[in-house]
Amino acid sequence: MAITSANQLELLQTAEAVAREKMIDPGLVVEAMEESLARAAKSRYGSEMDIRVSIDRKTGKATFTRVRTVVAEEELENYQAEMTVETAKQYMANPEIGDIFSEEVPPVELGRIAAQSAKQVILQKVREAERDRQYDEFKDRNGTIINGAVKREEYGNVIVDVGRGEAILRRTEKIGRESYRPGDRIRCFIKDVRREARGPQIFLSRTAPEFMAELFKMEVPEIYDGIIEIKAVARDPGSRAKIAVISNDGSIDPVGACVGMRGSRVQAVVNELQGEKIDIIPWNEDVPTFLVNALQPAEVSKVVLDEEAERIEVVVPDEQLSLAIGRRGQNVRLASQLTALDIDIMTEEEESKRRQAEFEVRTKLFIETLDVDEFFAQLLVSEGFTNLEEVAYVEVDELLVIDGVDESTAEELQTRAREFLEEQARKAVEKARELGVQDNLLGFEGLTPQMVEALAEDGILSLEDFATCADWELAGGWTTVEGKRVKDDGLLEKFDVTLEDAQSLVMTARVGLGWVDPEELEAAAEAEAEETEEDEA
């Protein structure tokens, strides 16, 4: 079939019909036709030729053009698509390298094989355009709720018709034992949209915490308007959930607004989530206060926060322990997710026993090191002294507040404490030298002799060895293994060296050794500070 003998408008009519059916730009279909015709022409004239086809968008006339590029003589490789300056002079006036010479060639007749090949090219281009359209449409809807109809179920995964495409709701993203039949209406959260070789993949979820947040945004106008803000959500899908909210308007109660008149608003969310019980909690910037709210309905007696370890200890009355933990640990687990902290719950009796044990250990320390009787040692502990350094270097006035301690007694206590610490330091230096520690590490400012001894026992004998350490190796830290936080012991952790202290010590050592340029370090610190300010803004 020759293009010239066909009705030229049929090309445009076909392009428009395909574009309407697939809901894509007609221009993309015409471009696919041009490419397919060009490919067919190359098979007729030769694959080395640069044949291009242009279809007039008004008349549908297809123009076949051979294109040749002017190149330097030494760069000439393809005689069919390139030519030298000398050759170009036959066709062009004053040709230069890079110029393009085009000449129209007769249209080709499409045989059966060529026509089939052209059809495949067009179909492939149309599919690619359709996939791009679907991806562009749904990528902007990522993180929103979408309504769809169930098409089928495959191995527990639900395929959902979402209008101009299909989405998948994996069985792990369904609530409890939900089951659906073809044609059922379903509401889901668009969790992810990915561009893949087989087309855009839209992944849905009904268990994501964000799904609950979006449902509340739909049901509570104050959240949609930004008057009330959802700060955190924790879910045990299908069973129970906790949601923390705060009001930006002091006259509006965030919890009451989310509950609604006679619970109408929260009940609408509960019904959508298959009866999932929802605790609505007021957000508080003070972490201990927020945690007390999060552990409701249990009552809390005491909260101890360890910000560095991201852990928090909660003391509850003996009769409230089971309520605080919840069935199968559900209540404390959700509270932990809500606060992003590990929570240790203990009863008042357990906390009392632990305090008593700590009291006895410190009392024994002062008895053995200061040569005082048990009663006097207990007085020191009761006043808040926890170690010898505090006794040795505290202001004398703080010792005088203890009953029975005058100025001479205070001075004697400090003298004994300092002598003991100096003796410990001397022994630590001797032990470190025996292990082979170099002077540059012993004289490094910021490390005590006991610290150097601890490093030497682990094979760190020089300042160069110390400079290669990571901060967490020195200060310790926490890592997550299979969903559980695991403690990493640090070499200097028992000396109360924090992660920031360890970073400063290691970086000072690297600067001293010439490994790091202090000016570059300062520039990096300034850049990080500016970035932090921008993020806060």
Protein backbone atom coordinates (compact mmCIF):
# COMPACT_ATOMS: atom_id res chain seq x y z
CA MET A 1 0.00 0.00 0.00
CA ALA A 2 1.44 3.41 -0.96
CA ILE A 3 0.85 6.40 1.24
CA THR A 4 0.05 8.56 -1.74
CA SER A 5 -2.74 6.29 -2.86
CA ALA A 6 -4.46 6.26 0.55
CA ASN A 7 -6.70 8.90 1.87
CA GLN A 8 -4.19 11.12 3.61
CA LEU A 9 -6.71 12.32 6.18
CA GLU A 10 -7.11 8.76 7.42
CA LEU A 11 -3.78 9.08 9.21
CA LEU A 12 -5.02 12.04 11.26
CA GLN A 13 -8.41 10.44 11.87
CA THR A 14 -6.76 7.25 13.11
CA ALA A 15 -4.41 9.25 15.38
CA GLU A 16 -7.33 11.17 16.91
CA ALA A 17 -9.36 7.99 17.44
CA VAL A 18 -6.50 6.23 19.21
CA ALA A 19 -5.74 9.32 21.31
CA ARG A 20 -9.37 9.59 22.45
CA GLU A 21 -9.54 5.92 23.32
CA LYS A 22 -6.29 5.97 25.33
CA MET A 23 -6.78 9.53 26.60
CA ILE A 24 -3.39 10.75 25.39
CA ASP A 25 -2.16 13.64 23.24
CA PRO A 26 -2.95 13.05 19.49
CA GLY A 27 0.46 14.54 18.69
CA LEU A 28 2.14 11.59 20.40
CA VAL A 29 0.25 9.18 18.14
CA VAL A 30 1.26 11.14 15.01
CA GLU A 31 4.91 11.09 16.18
CA ALA A 32 4.66 7.31 16.59
CA MET A 33 3.31 7.06 13.04
CA GLU A 34 6.18 9.19 11.72
CA GLU A 35 8.72 6.96 13.44
CA SER A 36 7.08 3.78 12.16
CA LEU A 37 7.01 5.10 8.56
CA ALA A 38 10.63 6.20 8.86
CA ARG A 39 11.60 2.72 10.01
CA ALA A 40 9.74 1.18 7.07
CA ALA A 41 11.49 3.58 4.65
CA LYS A 42 14.90 2.61 6.04
CA SER A 43 14.15 -1.03 5.33
CA ARG A 44 13.42 -0.01 1.70
CA TYR A 45 16.25 2.49 1.07
CA GLY A 46 18.88 1.09 3.47
CA SER A 47 19.31 1.06 7.22
CA GLU A 48 22.38 3.31 7.07
CA MET A 49 20.38 6.18 5.59
CA ASP A 50 18.93 8.85 7.85
CA ILE A 51 15.31 8.87 6.64
CA ARG A 52 12.84 11.11 8.38
CA VAL A 53 9.07 11.35 7.91
CA SER A 54 6.90 14.38 8.60
CA ILE A 55 3.10 14.20 8.61
CA ASP A 56 1.29 17.49 8.05
CA ARG A 57 -1.01 18.03 11.04
CA LYS A 58 -3.69 19.61 8.81
CA THR A 59 -3.70 17.65 5.55
CA GLY A 60 -2.24 14.34 6.73
CA LYS A 61 0.32 14.34 3.90
CA ALA A 62 3.42 12.29 4.72
CA THR A 63 6.74 13.71 3.45
CA PHE A 64 9.80 11.41 3.27
CA THR A 65 13.15 13.17 3.59
CA ARG A 66 16.74 11.93 3.40
CA VAL A 67 19.07 13.85 5.69
CA ARG A 68 22.86 14.11 5.38
CA THR A 69 25.22 15.93 7.77
CA VAL A 70 28.40 17.76 6.72
CA VAL A 71 31.44 16.44 8.66
CA ALA A 72 35.23 16.73 8.49
CA GLU A 73 36.87 14.39 5.98
CA GLU A 74 38.73 12.43 8.70
CA GLU A 75 35.48 11.94 10.64
CA LEU A 76 33.49 10.57 7.70
CA GLU A 77 32.18 7.11 8.60
CA ASN A 78 28.71 6.68 7.14
CA TYR A 79 28.62 7.66 3.43
CA GLN A 80 24.81 7.36 3.37
CA ALA A 81 24.12 9.82 6.22
CA GLU A 82 27.26 12.00 6.13
CA MET A 83 29.33 13.84 3.53
CA THR A 84 32.46 15.97 3.39
CA VAL A 85 32.60 19.69 2.71
CA GLU A 86 33.82 19.07 -0.84
CA THR A 87 30.90 16.76 -1.62
CA ALA A 88 28.43 19.19 -0.04
CA LYS A 89 29.49 21.94 -2.44
CA GLN A 90 27.58 20.06 -5.15
CA TYR A 91 24.34 20.64 -3.25
CA MET A 92 24.92 23.72 -1.06
CA ALA A 93 26.57 27.11 -1.29
CA ASN A 94 29.42 27.68 1.21
CA PRO A 95 28.82 24.53 3.28
CA GLU A 96 30.28 24.28 6.80
CA ILE A 97 30.84 21.37 9.15
CA GLY A 98 27.61 20.64 11.01
CA ASP A 99 25.30 21.84 8.22
CA ILE A 100 22.44 19.54 7.25
CA PHE A 101 21.31 18.83 3.71
CA SER A 102 17.79 17.45 3.22
CA GLU A 103 16.22 16.14 0.06
CA GLU A 104 12.78 14.67 -0.44
CA VAL A 105 12.60 11.05 -1.56
CA PRO A 106 9.65 9.13 -3.04
CA PRO A 107 7.23 7.60 -0.53
CA VAL A 108 7.57 3.88 0.01
CA GLU A 109 4.97 1.20 -0.42
CA LEU A 110 4.25 -0.68 2.79
CA GLY A 111 4.35 -4.42 2.31
CA ARG A 112 2.72 -6.82 4.73
CA ILE A 113 5.83 -7.17 6.92
CA ALA A 114 6.59 -3.45 6.88
CA ALA A 115 2.98 -2.62 7.76
CA GLN A 116 3.06 -5.09 10.66
CA SER A 117 6.32 -3.57 11.90
CA ALA A 118 4.84 -0.07 11.68
CA LYS A 119 1.81 -1.20 13.64
CA GLN A 120 4.03 -2.60 16.42
CA VAL A 121 5.97 0.66 16.67
CA ILE A 122 2.77 2.67 16.93
CA LEU A 123 1.30 0.35 19.58
CA GLN A 124 4.51 0.47 21.62
CA LYS A 125 4.64 4.27 21.52
CA VAL A 126 0.97 4.50 22.47
CA ARG A 127 1.53 2.15 25.43
CA GLU A 128 4.50 4.21 26.61
CA ALA A 129 2.51 7.43 26.32
CA GLU A 130 -0.39 5.84 28.23
CA ARG A 131 1.96 4.70 31.00
CA ASP A 132 3.53 8.15 31.26
CA ARG A 133 0.07 9.70 31.52
CA GLN A 134 -0.96 7.31 34.29
CA TYR A 135 2.26 7.91 36.22
CA ASP A 136 2.00 11.71 35.91
CA GLU A 137 -1.61 11.56 37.09
CA PHE A 138 -1.09 9.35 40.15
CA LYS A 139 2.35 10.49 41.32
CA ASP A 140 0.78 13.79 42.44
CA ARG A 141 -1.90 11.88 44.35
CA ASN A 142 0.66 9.92 46.38
CA GLY A 143 -0.22 10.30 50.07
CA THR A 144 -3.95 10.84 49.50
CA ILE A 145 -7.09 8.74 49.80
CA ILE A 146 -8.64 7.24 46.69
CA ASN A 147 -11.91 5.43 46.04
CA GLY A 148 -12.03 2.46 43.71
CA ALA A 149 -13.83 -0.73 42.80
CA VAL A 150 -12.50 -4.22 43.42
CA LYS A 151 -11.74 -6.02 40.14
CA ARG A 152 -10.32 -9.31 41.37
CA GLU A 153 -8.24 -10.97 44.08
CA GLU A 154 -4.91 -12.69 43.39
CA TYR A 155 -3.21 -14.71 46.13
CA GLY A 156 -4.69 -12.49 48.81
CA ASN A 157 -3.78 -9.25 46.99
CA VAL A 158 -6.69 -7.11 45.83
CA ILE A 159 -6.57 -5.50 42.37
CA VAL A 160 -8.50 -2.22 42.47
CA ASP A 161 -9.87 -0.24 39.52
CA VAL A 162 -9.03 3.41 40.25
CA GLY A 163 -10.43 4.93 37.06
CA ARG A 164 -7.61 5.39 34.58
CA GLY A 165 -5.55 2.50 35.86
CA GLU A 166 -5.25 -0.37 38.28
CA ALA A 167 -3.79 -0.39 41.78
CA ILE A 168 -2.83 -3.18 44.13
CA LEU A 169 -3.76 -3.61 47.79
CA ARG A 170 -1.38 -6.20 49.19
CA ARG A 171 -2.68 -8.65 51.76
CA THR A 172 -0.23 -7.19 54.33
CA GLU A 173 -1.88 -3.79 53.84
CA LYS A 174 -5.42 -5.02 54.54
CA ILE A 175 -7.05 -4.61 57.94
CA GLY A 176 -7.36 -7.90 59.81
CA ARG A 177 -9.14 -10.51 57.76
CA GLU A 178 -10.85 -8.18 55.31
CA SER A 179 -12.24 -9.88 52.22
CA TYR A 180 -13.69 -8.30 49.12
CA ARG A 181 -15.73 -9.43 46.13
CA PRO A 182 -15.53 -8.08 42.59
CA GLY A 183 -17.51 -4.86 42.31
CA ASP A 184 -17.17 -3.87 46.02
CA ARG A 185 -16.36 -0.21 46.62
CA ILE A 186 -13.16 0.35 48.58
CA ARG A 187 -11.39 3.35 50.06
CA CYS A 188 -7.59 3.21 50.38
CA PHE A 189 -4.50 5.32 50.97
CA ILE A 190 -2.05 5.70 48.05
CA LYS A 191 1.15 4.62 49.75
CA ASP A 192 3.52 4.61 46.78
CA VAL A 193 3.57 5.18 43.02
CA ARG A 194 6.52 3.71 41.12
CA ARG A 195 7.54 3.88 37.48
CA GLU A 196 8.43 0.35 36.38
CA ALA A 197 9.12 -1.37 33.05
CA ARG A 198 5.64 -2.87 32.91
CA GLY A 199 4.03 0.48 33.62
CA PRO A 200 3.29 2.58 36.70
CA GLN A 201 2.60 0.53 39.83
CA ILE A 202 0.19 2.05 42.35
CA PHE A 203 0.41 0.53 45.84
CA LEU A 204 -2.48 1.02 48.25
CA SER A 205 -2.78 0.60 52.01
CA ARG A 206 -5.47 0.49 54.65
CA THR A 207 -3.09 -0.16 57.55
CA ALA A 208 -0.81 2.88 57.18
CA PRO A 209 -1.03 5.45 60.01
CA GLU A 210 -1.37 8.14 57.35
CA PHE A 211 -4.64 6.55 56.22
CA MET A 212 -6.19 7.29 59.61
CA ALA A 213 -4.80 10.84 59.56
CA GLU A 214 -6.33 11.47 56.11
CA LEU A 215 -9.69 10.05 57.26
CA PHE A 216 -9.75 12.47 60.19
CA LYS A 217 -8.87 15.30 57.80
CA MET A 218 -11.97 14.38 55.76
CA GLU A 219 -14.24 14.15 58.79
CA VAL A 220 -12.94 17.08 60.87
CA PRO A 221 -13.09 20.47 59.09
CA GLU A 222 -10.77 22.02 61.68
CA ILE A 223 -7.99 19.61 60.66
CA TYR A 224 -8.57 20.29 56.98
CA ASP A 225 -8.39 24.04 57.64
CA GLY A 226 -5.19 23.69 59.69
CA ILE A 227 -6.72 24.88 62.97
CA ILE A 228 -6.07 21.45 64.50
CA GLU A 229 -2.88 19.58 63.64
CA ILE A 230 -2.27 15.84 63.81
CA LYS A 231 1.19 15.40 65.37
CA ALA A 232 1.50 11.61 65.53
CA VAL A 233 -0.45 8.43 64.80
CA ALA A 234 0.17 4.88 66.05
CA ARG A 235 -1.93 1.92 64.93
CA ASP A 236 -2.49 -1.73 65.58
CA PRO A 237 -4.65 -2.09 62.43
CA GLY A 238 -8.14 -3.39 63.05
CA SER A 239 -7.69 -3.42 66.82
CA ARG A 240 -6.64 -0.13 68.40
CA ALA A 241 -5.00 3.18 67.56
CA LYS A 242 -3.77 6.36 69.23
CA ILE A 243 -3.72 9.75 67.55
CA ALA A 244 -2.11 12.89 69.03
CA VAL A 245 -3.61 16.27 68.12
CA ILE A 246 -2.95 19.90 69.01
CA SER A 247 -4.98 23.05 68.42
CA ASN A 248 -3.48 26.24 67.00
CA ASP A 249 -6.50 28.12 68.37
CA GLY A 250 -6.71 28.28 72.16
CA SER A 251 -10.52 28.50 72.03
CA ILE A 252 -10.91 25.12 70.29
CA ASP A 253 -10.55 21.82 72.13
CA PRO A 254 -8.65 19.49 69.74
CA VAL A 255 -9.90 16.28 71.34
CA GLY A 256 -13.54 17.41 71.44
CA ALA A 257 -13.43 18.60 67.82
CA CYS A 258 -12.10 15.22 66.66
CA VAL A 259 -14.68 13.30 68.69
CA GLY A 260 -17.56 15.41 67.36
CA MET A 261 -21.14 15.75 68.57
CA ARG A 262 -22.01 12.49 70.36
CA GLY A 263 -18.91 10.95 68.84
CA SER A 264 -20.18 11.29 65.26
CA ARG A 265 -16.85 12.28 63.72
CA VAL A 266 -14.66 9.65 65.34
CA GLN A 267 -17.36 7.02 64.80
CA ALA A 268 -17.25 7.63 61.04
CA VAL A 269 -13.52 6.86 61.09
CA VAL A 270 -14.04 3.81 63.32
CA ASN A 271 -16.63 2.41 60.92
CA GLU A 272 -14.27 2.81 57.94
CA LEU A 273 -11.50 1.01 59.87
CA GLN A 274 -13.61 -2.06 60.73
CA GLY A 275 -14.34 -1.04 64.33
CA GLU A 276 -10.77 -0.07 65.28
CA LYS A 277 -10.81 1.60 68.73
CA ILE A 278 -9.26 5.07 68.63
CA ASP A 279 -7.75 6.99 71.58
CA ILE A 280 -7.51 10.71 70.82
CA ILE A 281 -4.72 12.28 72.88
CA PRO A 282 -3.75 15.95 73.37
CA TRP A 283 -0.22 16.60 72.14
CA ASN A 284 2.30 18.23 74.50
CA GLU A 285 5.83 19.40 73.71
CA ASP A 286 6.93 18.19 77.13
CA VAL A 287 7.73 14.52 76.43
CA PRO A 288 6.98 13.16 79.93
CA THR A 289 3.62 14.95 80.00
CA PHE A 290 2.78 13.69 76.51
CA LEU A 291 3.70 10.14 77.54
CA VAL A 292 1.42 10.31 80.56
CA ASN A 293 -1.41 11.24 78.18
CA ALA A 294 -0.40 8.52 75.71
CA LEU A 295 -0.57 5.76 78.36
CA GLN A 296 -4.19 6.53 79.20
CA PRO A 297 -6.31 5.03 80.65
CA ALA A 298 -3.48 3.93 83.00
CA GLU A 299 -2.35 6.30 85.77
CA VAL A 300 1.35 7.21 85.94
CA SER A 301 3.21 8.02 89.18
CA LYS A 302 6.61 9.04 87.82
CA VAL A 303 8.45 9.51 84.51
CA VAL A 304 12.25 9.48 84.02
CA LEU A 305 13.49 10.53 80.55
CA ASP A 306 16.87 9.55 79.07
CA GLU A 307 17.04 11.69 75.91
CA GLU A 308 20.44 10.41 74.79
CA ALA A 309 19.34 6.76 74.77
CA GLU A 310 15.85 7.72 73.56
CA ARG A 311 14.42 5.71 76.42
CA ILE A 312 11.93 6.59 79.09
CA GLU A 313 11.12 4.92 82.39
CA VAL A 314 7.55 5.00 83.65
CA VAL A 315 6.55 4.14 87.21
CA VAL A 316 2.94 3.13 87.79
CA PRO A 317 1.03 1.92 90.88
CA ASP A 318 1.14 -1.86 91.32
CA GLU A 319 -2.55 -2.27 90.45
CA GLN A 320 -2.13 -0.19 87.23
CA LEU A 321 0.66 -2.29 85.69
CA SER A 322 -1.52 -4.58 83.57
CA LEU A 323 -3.62 -1.63 82.38
CA ALA A 324 -0.52 0.37 81.40
CA ILE A 325 0.95 -2.54 79.45
CA GLY A 326 -2.37 -3.48 77.86
CA ARG A 327 -3.45 -6.73 76.29
CA ARG A 328 -0.39 -8.40 74.75
CA GLY A 329 1.56 -5.18 75.37
CA GLN A 330 -0.65 -3.21 73.01
CA ASN A 331 -1.06 -0.04 75.09
CA VAL A 332 2.62 0.48 75.85
CA ARG A 333 3.59 -0.47 72.28
CA LEU A 334 1.29 2.15 70.77
CA ALA A 335 2.48 4.76 73.28
CA SER A 336 6.07 3.92 72.30
CA GLN A 337 5.27 4.40 68.58
CA LEU A 338 3.49 7.66 69.34
CA THR A 339 6.43 9.16 71.31
CA ALA A 340 9.21 7.47 69.26
CA LEU A 341 10.81 6.34 72.53
CA ASP A 342 11.51 2.98 74.13
CA ILE A 343 9.39 2.71 77.28
CA ASP A 344 10.28 0.69 80.36
CA ILE A 345 7.35 0.25 82.72
CA MET A 346 7.88 -0.72 86.34
CA THR A 347 5.77 -0.72 89.47
CA GLU A 348 6.37 1.55 92.45
CA GLU A 349 7.64 -1.44 94.41
CA GLU A 350 10.20 -2.35 91.72
CA GLU A 351 11.37 1.26 91.48
CA SER A 352 11.74 1.43 95.27
CA LYS A 353 13.92 -1.70 95.27
CA ARG A 354 16.11 -0.30 92.50
CA ARG A 355 16.58 3.02 94.33
CA GLN A 356 17.50 1.13 97.48
CA ALA A 357 20.08 -0.92 95.59
CA GLU A 358 21.65 2.24 94.10
CA PHE A 359 21.69 3.85 97.56
CA GLU A 360 23.55 0.88 99.03
CA VAL A 361 26.14 0.83 96.20
CA ARG A 362 26.96 4.54 96.63
CA THR A 363 27.05 4.24 100.41
CA LYS A 364 29.56 1.39 100.13
CA LEU A 365 31.68 3.45 97.71
CA PHE A 366 32.02 6.35 100.17
CA ILE A 367 32.70 4.03 103.11
CA GLU A 368 35.58 2.31 101.29
CA THR A 369 37.17 5.34 99.65
CA LEU A 370 36.67 8.12 102.22
CA ASP A 371 37.12 5.99 105.34
CA VAL A 372 33.87 7.21 106.93
CA ASP A 373 31.20 5.31 108.84
CA GLU A 374 27.98 4.05 107.29
CA PHE A 375 25.82 6.82 108.74
CA PHE A 376 28.02 9.59 107.35
CA ALA A 377 28.20 7.87 103.97
CA GLN A 378 24.41 7.66 103.86
CA LEU A 379 24.22 11.40 104.60
CA LEU A 380 26.40 12.11 101.55
CA VAL A 381 24.22 9.94 99.33
CA SER A 382 21.05 11.52 100.71
CA GLU A 383 22.39 14.98 99.78
CA GLY A 384 22.71 13.86 96.16
CA PHE A 385 26.44 13.00 95.91
CA THR A 386 26.88 10.08 93.50
CA ASN A 387 30.67 9.82 92.97
CA LEU A 388 34.04 10.85 94.38
CA GLU A 389 34.62 13.59 91.78
CA GLU A 390 31.60 15.48 93.10
CA VAL A 391 32.92 15.32 96.68
CA ALA A 392 36.49 16.25 95.67
CA TYR A 393 35.79 19.27 93.48
CA VAL A 394 32.44 20.65 94.70
CA GLU A 395 32.25 24.03 96.38
CA VAL A 396 32.88 23.69 100.13
CA ASP A 397 29.58 25.44 100.87
CA GLU A 398 27.69 22.47 99.41
CA LEU A 399 29.32 20.15 101.94
CA LEU A 400 28.61 22.50 104.85
CA VAL A 401 24.84 22.05 104.44
CA ILE A 402 25.20 18.44 105.67
CA ASP A 403 24.38 18.07 109.37
CA GLY A 404 27.52 17.76 111.51
CA VAL A 405 29.93 18.94 108.77
CA ASP A 406 32.03 22.02 109.56
CA GLU A 407 34.71 23.66 107.42
CA SER A 408 37.58 21.48 108.65
CA THR A 409 35.53 18.30 108.13
CA ALA A 410 34.64 19.39 104.62
CA GLU A 411 38.27 20.10 103.78
CA GLU A 412 39.30 16.71 105.17
CA LEU A 413 36.64 14.96 103.05
CA GLN A 414 37.85 16.71 99.92
CA THR A 415 41.49 15.93 100.71
CA ARG A 416 40.73 12.22 101.12
CA ALA A 417 38.70 12.15 97.92
CA ARG A 418 41.41 13.92 95.89
CA GLU A 419 44.18 11.70 97.27
CA PHE A 420 42.20 8.59 96.34
CA LEU A 421 41.50 9.91 92.82
CA GLU A 422 45.17 10.88 92.34
CA GLU A 423 46.27 7.41 93.42
CA GLN A 424 43.80 5.84 90.99
CA ALA A 425 45.11 8.08 88.21
CA ARG A 426 48.74 7.13 88.98
CA LYS A 427 47.91 3.40 88.88
CA ALA A 428 46.00 3.91 85.59
CA VAL A 429 49.04 5.64 84.02
CA GLU A 430 51.33 2.80 85.14
CA LYS A 431 48.97 0.18 83.74
CA ALA A 432 48.63 2.10 80.46
CA ARG A 433 52.42 2.34 80.05
CA GLU A 434 52.74 -1.39 80.74
CA LEU A 435 50.26 -1.99 77.89
CA GLY A 436 52.41 0.12 75.54
CA VAL A 437 50.50 3.43 75.39
CA GLN A 438 52.41 6.23 73.65
CA ASP A 439 52.98 9.64 75.22
CA ASN A 440 50.92 11.47 72.58
CA LEU A 441 47.80 9.63 73.78
CA LEU A 442 48.61 9.98 77.50
CA GLY A 443 49.10 13.73 77.08
CA PHE A 444 45.99 14.27 74.93
CA GLU A 445 43.75 16.86 76.56
CA GLY A 446 40.27 15.56 77.34
CA LEU A 447 41.27 12.00 78.21
CA THR A 448 41.78 11.03 81.87
CA PRO A 449 44.34 8.35 82.79
CA GLN A 450 41.47 5.93 83.47
CA MET A 451 40.11 6.59 79.99
CA VAL A 452 43.52 5.99 78.43
CA GLU A 453 43.79 2.71 80.38
CA ALA A 454 40.38 1.59 79.07
CA LEU A 455 41.44 2.45 75.50
CA ALA A 456 44.75 0.60 75.92
CA GLU A 457 42.97 -2.54 77.09
CA ASP A 458 41.16 -2.50 73.73
CA GLY A 459 44.37 -2.08 71.73
CA ILE A 460 44.23 1.72 71.20
CA LEU A 461 47.80 2.75 72.07
CA SER A 462 48.49 5.97 70.15
CA LEU A 463 46.80 9.19 69.12
CA GLU A 464 46.69 7.83 65.56
CA ASP A 465 44.75 4.79 66.78
CA PHE A 466 42.37 7.05 68.70
CA ALA A 467 41.77 9.30 65.67
CA THR A 468 40.51 6.34 63.64
CA CYS A 469 37.75 5.55 66.17
CA ALA A 470 34.10 6.26 65.43
CA ASP A 471 32.17 8.35 67.94
CA TRP A 472 29.74 5.52 68.73
CA GLU A 473 32.66 3.16 69.48
CA LEU A 474 33.67 5.51 72.30
CA ALA A 475 30.30 6.73 73.60
CA GLY A 476 28.15 3.71 72.76
CA GLY A 477 24.72 3.94 71.25
CA TRP A 478 21.66 2.10 70.09
CA THR A 479 20.99 0.18 66.89
CA THR A 480 17.77 -1.41 65.63
CA VAL A 481 17.99 -5.14 64.94
CA GLU A 482 14.87 -6.92 63.66
CA GLY A 483 12.66 -4.12 64.97
CA LYS A 484 14.24 -4.07 68.45
CA ARG A 485 16.66 -1.49 69.84
CA VAL A 486 19.95 -3.09 70.91
CA LYS A 487 22.56 -1.44 73.14
CA ASP A 488 26.11 -0.96 71.79
CA ASP A 489 28.59 -0.57 74.66
CA GLY A 490 31.18 2.21 74.22
CA LEU A 491 34.80 2.07 75.38
CA LEU A 492 34.40 5.32 77.35
CA GLU A 493 30.71 5.04 78.14
CA LYS A 494 31.31 4.26 81.85
CA PHE A 495 33.05 7.65 82.12
CA ASP A 496 29.81 9.41 81.03
CA VAL A 497 31.26 10.44 77.64
CA THR A 498 28.39 11.51 75.39
CA LEU A 499 28.22 11.12 71.63
CA GLU A 500 28.91 14.85 71.20
CA ASP A 501 31.94 14.62 73.54
CA ALA A 502 33.28 11.66 71.55
CA GLN A 503 32.83 13.52 68.24
CA SER A 504 34.70 16.54 69.60
CA LEU A 505 37.59 14.44 71.00
CA VAL A 506 38.09 12.43 67.80
CA MET A 507 37.91 15.51 65.56
CA THR A 508 40.41 17.38 67.79
CA ALA A 509 42.80 14.43 67.47
CA ARG A 510 42.43 14.41 63.67
CA VAL A 511 43.08 18.17 63.47
CA GLY A 512 46.13 17.79 65.73
CA LEU A 513 47.54 15.06 63.49
CA GLY A 514 46.97 17.16 60.38
CA TRP A 515 44.38 14.79 58.94
CA VAL A 516 41.71 17.50 58.83
CA ASP A 517 42.03 21.17 57.85
CA PRO A 518 40.51 23.26 60.65
CA GLU A 519 39.34 25.90 58.14
CA GLU A 520 37.47 23.27 56.12
CA LEU A 521 35.99 21.93 59.36
CA GLU A 522 34.80 25.39 60.34
CA ALA A 523 33.29 25.97 56.87
CA ALA A 524 31.46 22.63 57.06
CA ALA A 525 30.12 23.52 60.52
CA GLU A 526 28.85 26.89 59.25
CA ALA A 527 27.18 25.24 56.25
CA GLU A 528 25.49 22.70 58.51
CA ALA A 529 24.29 25.48 60.83
CA GLU A 530 22.81 27.41 57.87
CA GLU A 531 21.08 24.27 56.61
CA THR A 532 19.61 23.67 60.06
CA GLU A 533 18.31 27.25 60.19
CA GLU A 534 16.69 26.83 56.75
CA ASP A 535 15.02 23.59 57.81
CA GLU A 536 13.67 25.25 60.97
CA ALA A 537 12.42 28.21 58.91
